[in-house]
Amino acid sequence: MTTVARPQTSQERPRTAQQHVAGAAGQVVLLAVLSAGAGLGPVGWLAGIAYLLGLWALLATAVRRAAATTLGPADLVTLARAGLVGGVTALVAEGIWSGHTAVAPLVVIASTALLLDAVDGQVARRSGTVSALGARFDMEVDAFLVLVLSVHVALFVGPWVLAIGVMRYAFVAASWSAPWMRSVLPTRYSAKAVAALQGIVLVVATSQFLLLPLAVALVSGALALLVWSFGRDVAWLWRTTHLRRPAATPRIPAPRSSR
């Protein structure tokens, strides 16, 4: 995830392009496997390809702005995770359209994506390739996975579950009109734990192993913790700005990460 602040040469550009192509090919293979083994239909394919194109465009833009010559080892793990999230997206979209979701593949793929979330951070730190680009990439993949899982769980638990998926995006949107929300937040391991808990709880609810009342209670608890975590951050930002405490360098708000 190391970035180099210089323009890419003609010999270096193909490296990132090849990595993007490899990631895209991996997701297409996953969609083909889901089509053969989990009944993924045209709607799922359409959602998966739309996600892939959006991911490709956003990642290519981010790499160009960061003047990165290549994706580091941890970035490649995140890229693999992003492909898995594309599979989750396809399965959820197909389930919404057909009324039947392939739960087992969905749980396996989402669980693998969550497990790899702990791997890419370790790889980045141990290889000395931590970068703003890699951290942001990791965070956006996490946020979108939680959003898609919340859409699926909302189908049988209730629409209020969508609050888990959209809360981070609402926070970012609010910061556009409230500059005081753009300051750097202090590192809190409790916030990271709460963020990680959301994905775990949503996967457990997705599995439907729990009775519905228990699933509702579990997801409600996770949402309450998320509201508390975001609320504490907003309160800290407000106090820091309006009590004229020294503020850190502004940045674009990002979701909590396990990194």
Protein backbone atom coordinates (compact mmCIF):
# COMPACT_ATOMS: atom_id res chain seq x y z
CA MET A 1 0.00 0.00 0.00
CA THR A 2 3.02 2.26 -0.39
CA THR A 3 2.41 5.21 -2.68
CA VAL A 4 5.07 7.11 -4.60
CA ALA A 5 4.51 10.80 -5.22
CA ARG A 6 5.65 10.93 -8.86
CA PRO A 7 3.96 10.34 -12.23
CA GLN A 8 3.80 6.81 -13.49
CA THR A 9 6.07 5.88 -16.37
CA SER A 10 4.92 3.96 -19.40
CA GLN A 11 6.53 0.82 -17.94
CA GLU A 12 4.88 1.21 -14.53
CA ARG A 13 1.32 1.92 -15.65
CA PRO A 14 0.62 -1.63 -16.90
CA ARG A 15 1.35 -3.01 -13.41
CA THR A 16 -1.69 -1.37 -11.80
CA ALA A 17 -3.74 -2.04 -14.92
CA GLN A 18 -2.83 -5.73 -14.82
CA GLN A 19 -3.72 -5.90 -11.14
CA HIS A 20 -7.11 -4.35 -11.84
CA VAL A 21 -7.73 -6.78 -14.69
CA ALA A 22 -6.76 -9.73 -12.49
CA GLY A 23 -9.16 -8.54 -9.79
CA ALA A 24 -11.95 -8.12 -12.32
CA ALA A 25 -11.29 -11.57 -13.77
CA GLY A 26 -11.45 -13.06 -10.28
CA GLN A 27 -14.86 -11.54 -9.65
CA VAL A 28 -16.21 -12.75 -13.00
CA VAL A 29 -15.03 -16.27 -12.13
CA LEU A 30 -16.80 -15.98 -8.77
CA LEU A 31 -20.01 -14.91 -10.49
CA ALA A 32 -19.72 -17.86 -12.86
CA VAL A 33 -19.28 -20.24 -9.92
CA LEU A 34 -22.32 -18.74 -8.19
CA SER A 35 -24.28 -19.04 -11.42
CA ALA A 36 -23.49 -22.74 -11.66
CA GLY A 37 -23.71 -23.65 -7.99
CA ALA A 38 -26.09 -21.15 -6.41
CA GLY A 39 -28.53 -20.35 -9.19
CA LEU A 40 -27.30 -16.81 -9.77
CA GLY A 41 -29.45 -15.35 -12.55
CA PRO A 42 -29.34 -12.36 -14.90
CA VAL A 43 -30.23 -9.84 -12.19
CA GLY A 44 -27.40 -11.07 -9.99
CA TRP A 45 -25.00 -10.90 -12.92
CA LEU A 46 -26.14 -7.38 -13.73
CA ALA A 47 -25.64 -6.25 -10.12
CA GLY A 48 -22.24 -7.94 -9.93
CA ILE A 49 -20.99 -6.40 -13.17
CA ALA A 50 -22.34 -2.95 -12.22
CA TYR A 51 -20.49 -3.21 -8.91
CA LEU A 52 -17.33 -4.31 -10.73
CA LEU A 53 -17.42 -1.37 -13.14
CA GLY A 54 -18.02 1.08 -10.29
CA LEU A 55 -15.19 -0.42 -8.26
CA TRP A 56 -12.82 -0.33 -11.22
CA ALA A 57 -13.58 3.32 -11.97
CA LEU A 58 -13.26 4.49 -8.36
CA LEU A 59 -10.08 2.52 -7.67
CA ALA A 60 -8.43 3.66 -10.90
CA THR A 61 -9.22 7.27 -10.01
CA ALA A 62 -7.87 6.87 -6.48
CA VAL A 63 -4.66 5.24 -7.73
CA ARG A 64 -4.12 8.01 -10.27
CA ARG A 65 -4.67 10.76 -7.69
CA ALA A 66 -2.28 9.08 -5.26
CA ALA A 67 0.30 8.65 -8.05
CA ALA A 68 0.66 5.02 -6.95
CA THR A 69 2.79 2.90 -9.25
CA THR A 70 1.43 -0.41 -7.98
CA LEU A 71 -0.92 -1.94 -5.46
CA GLY A 72 0.98 -3.30 -2.48
CA PRO A 73 0.50 -6.79 -0.99
CA ALA A 74 -2.13 -5.63 1.47
CA ASP A 75 -3.97 -3.76 -1.28
CA LEU A 76 -4.15 -6.98 -3.26
CA VAL A 77 -5.76 -8.70 -0.27
CA THR A 78 -8.27 -5.84 -0.13
CA LEU A 79 -8.83 -6.18 -3.88
CA ALA A 80 -9.64 -9.87 -3.37
CA ARG A 81 -12.02 -8.87 -0.57
CA ALA A 82 -13.65 -6.36 -2.87
CA GLY A 83 -14.29 -9.17 -5.36
CA LEU A 84 -16.00 -11.19 -2.63
CA VAL A 85 -18.17 -8.19 -1.80
CA GLY A 86 -19.17 -8.17 -5.47
CA GLY A 87 -20.36 -11.74 -5.04
CA VAL A 88 -22.35 -10.75 -1.95
CA THR A 89 -23.89 -7.89 -3.90
CA ALA A 90 -24.91 -10.21 -6.72
CA LEU A 91 -26.50 -12.76 -4.37
CA VAL A 92 -28.44 -10.12 -2.45
CA ALA A 93 -29.70 -8.48 -5.66
CA GLU A 94 -30.77 -11.85 -7.05
CA GLY A 95 -32.55 -12.65 -3.79
CA ILE A 96 -34.47 -9.39 -3.84
CA TRP A 97 -35.56 -10.03 -7.43
CA SER A 98 -36.43 -13.72 -7.14
CA GLY A 99 -37.61 -13.80 -3.54
CA HIS A 100 -35.13 -16.57 -2.73
CA THR A 101 -31.55 -15.98 -1.55
CA ALA A 102 -28.83 -18.63 -1.58
CA VAL A 103 -28.10 -18.21 2.12
CA ALA A 104 -25.23 -20.69 2.50
CA PRO A 105 -23.02 -19.19 -0.25
CA LEU A 106 -23.88 -15.71 0.97
CA VAL A 107 -22.77 -16.50 4.53
CA VAL A 108 -19.57 -18.24 3.38
CA ILE A 109 -18.52 -15.42 1.05
CA ALA A 110 -19.39 -12.63 3.49
CA SER A 111 -17.61 -14.43 6.35
CA THR A 112 -14.49 -14.87 4.21
CA ALA A 113 -14.53 -11.17 3.36
CA LEU A 114 -14.76 -10.29 7.06
CA LEU A 115 -11.90 -12.63 7.95
CA LEU A 116 -9.69 -11.13 5.26
CA ASP A 117 -10.38 -7.70 6.75
CA ALA A 118 -8.06 -8.66 9.60
CA VAL A 119 -5.45 -10.04 7.20
CA ASP A 120 -4.86 -7.00 5.00
CA GLY A 121 -4.14 -4.75 7.97
CA GLN A 122 -1.58 -7.18 9.35
CA VAL A 123 0.06 -7.51 5.94
CA ALA A 124 0.26 -3.73 5.57
CA ARG A 125 1.91 -3.22 8.94
CA ARG A 126 4.34 -6.13 8.70
CA SER A 127 5.42 -5.26 5.16
CA GLY A 128 5.74 -1.55 5.94
CA THR A 129 3.33 -0.63 3.15
CA VAL A 130 0.68 1.31 5.09
CA SER A 131 -0.73 4.22 3.06
CA ALA A 132 -3.70 6.56 2.98
CA LEU A 133 -4.81 4.97 -0.31
CA GLY A 134 -4.79 1.46 1.14
CA ALA A 135 -6.56 2.47 4.34
CA ARG A 136 -9.29 4.29 2.40
CA PHE A 137 -9.72 1.37 0.01
CA ASP A 138 -10.07 -1.00 2.95
CA MET A 139 -12.61 1.25 4.66
CA GLU A 140 -14.78 1.71 1.59
CA VAL A 141 -14.92 -2.05 0.98
CA ASP A 142 -15.94 -2.57 4.62
CA ALA A 143 -18.62 0.09 4.43
CA PHE A 144 -20.16 -1.27 1.25
CA LEU A 145 -20.21 -4.84 2.58
CA VAL A 146 -22.09 -3.68 5.68
CA LEU A 147 -24.50 -1.71 3.50
CA VAL A 148 -25.31 -4.69 1.28
CA LEU A 149 -25.70 -7.06 4.23
CA SER A 150 -28.01 -4.57 5.95
CA VAL A 151 -30.19 -4.51 2.83
CA HIS A 152 -30.49 -8.30 2.93
CA VAL A 153 -31.20 -8.51 6.68
CA ALA A 154 -33.77 -5.71 6.39
CA LEU A 155 -35.86 -7.99 4.16
CA PHE A 156 -36.80 -10.25 7.06
CA VAL A 157 -35.96 -8.25 10.19
CA GLY A 158 -37.28 -4.84 9.20
CA PRO A 159 -36.30 -1.73 7.24
CA TRP A 160 -34.82 -0.11 10.35
CA VAL A 161 -31.76 -2.37 9.87
CA LEU A 162 -30.79 -0.17 6.91
CA ALA A 163 -29.67 2.42 9.46
CA ILE A 164 -26.59 0.28 10.10
CA GLY A 165 -25.60 0.38 6.45
CA VAL A 166 -26.31 4.04 5.74
CA MET A 167 -25.03 5.62 8.97
CA ARG A 168 -21.47 6.02 7.75
CA TYR A 169 -22.62 7.53 4.45
CA ALA A 170 -24.95 9.88 6.33
CA PHE A 171 -22.01 10.99 8.47
CA VAL A 172 -19.95 11.78 5.36
CA ALA A 173 -22.87 13.60 3.73
CA ALA A 174 -23.38 15.69 6.87
CA SER A 175 -19.71 16.69 6.85
CA TRP A 176 -20.16 18.29 3.44
CA SER A 177 -22.33 21.00 4.94
CA ALA A 178 -20.72 21.03 8.41
CA PRO A 179 -16.97 21.67 8.13
CA TRP A 180 -16.49 21.10 11.86
CA MET A 181 -17.19 17.42 11.28
CA ARG A 182 -14.11 17.04 9.05
CA SER A 183 -11.45 17.13 11.75
CA VAL A 184 -9.38 14.04 12.44
CA LEU A 185 -10.96 11.85 15.08
CA PRO A 186 -8.83 10.31 17.82
CA THR A 187 -8.07 6.62 17.44
CA ARG A 188 -10.48 4.62 19.55
CA TYR A 189 -10.30 0.85 19.66
CA SER A 190 -13.86 0.78 20.93
CA ALA A 191 -14.98 2.42 17.67
CA LYS A 192 -13.06 -0.17 15.65
CA ALA A 193 -14.63 -2.97 17.68
CA VAL A 194 -18.13 -1.58 17.19
CA ALA A 195 -17.52 -1.22 13.45
CA ALA A 196 -16.26 -4.81 13.16
CA LEU A 197 -19.20 -6.05 15.21
CA GLN A 198 -21.70 -4.75 12.65
CA GLY A 199 -20.49 -7.08 9.91
CA ILE A 200 -20.35 -10.08 12.27
CA VAL A 201 -23.86 -9.49 13.58
CA LEU A 202 -25.28 -9.02 10.09
CA VAL A 203 -23.70 -12.27 8.90
CA VAL A 204 -25.11 -14.12 11.91
CA ALA A 205 -28.55 -12.68 11.18
CA THR A 206 -28.13 -13.57 7.50
CA SER A 207 -27.50 -17.21 8.39
CA GLN A 208 -30.99 -17.37 9.94
CA PHE A 209 -29.73 -19.84 12.54
CA LEU A 210 -31.32 -17.70 15.24
CA LEU A 211 -35.03 -17.38 15.90
CA LEU A 212 -36.36 -14.09 14.58
CA PRO A 213 -36.83 -12.48 18.03
CA LEU A 214 -33.21 -13.28 18.89
CA ALA A 215 -32.00 -11.94 15.56
CA VAL A 216 -33.97 -8.74 16.12
CA ALA A 217 -32.46 -8.35 19.60
CA LEU A 218 -28.94 -8.99 18.32
CA VAL A 219 -29.18 -6.53 15.43
CA SER A 220 -30.86 -3.95 17.66
CA GLY A 221 -27.96 -4.17 20.10
CA ALA A 222 -25.44 -3.72 17.30
CA LEU A 223 -27.32 -0.68 15.98
CA ALA A 224 -27.49 0.84 19.46
CA LEU A 225 -23.72 0.50 19.82
CA LEU A 226 -23.20 2.06 16.39
CA VAL A 227 -25.42 5.02 17.27
CA TRP A 228 -23.47 5.46 20.51
CA SER A 229 -20.12 5.32 18.66
CA PHE A 230 -21.11 7.84 15.98
CA GLY A 231 -22.82 10.02 18.57
CA ARG A 232 -19.68 10.14 20.68
CA ASP A 233 -17.61 11.11 17.64
CA VAL A 234 -20.02 13.88 16.65
CA ALA A 235 -20.05 15.22 20.23
CA TRP A 236 -16.24 15.19 20.33
CA LEU A 237 -16.00 17.05 17.03
CA TRP A 238 -18.53 19.63 18.20
CA ARG A 239 -16.72 20.26 21.49
CA THR A 240 -13.32 20.42 19.80
CA THR A 241 -14.50 23.02 17.30
CA HIS A 242 -16.78 25.19 19.39
CA LEU A 243 -14.65 25.22 22.52
CA ARG A 244 -11.73 26.32 20.33
CA ARG A 245 -9.52 23.40 21.18
CA PRO A 246 -6.59 22.80 18.82
CA ALA A 247 -7.98 20.94 15.85
CA ALA A 248 -6.15 18.41 13.73
CA THR A 249 -5.62 18.76 10.00
CA PRO A 250 -8.95 18.38 8.17
CA ARG A 251 -9.50 15.23 6.19
CA ILE A 252 -12.30 13.38 4.42
CA PRO A 253 -14.24 11.39 7.04
CA ALA A 254 -13.76 7.66 6.72
CA PRO A 255 -15.46 4.63 8.32
CA ARG A 256 -13.91 2.77 11.19
CA SER A 257 -11.42 0.16 10.17
CA SER A 258 -9.83 -2.82 11.80
CA ARG A 259 -6.45 -1.57 10.55
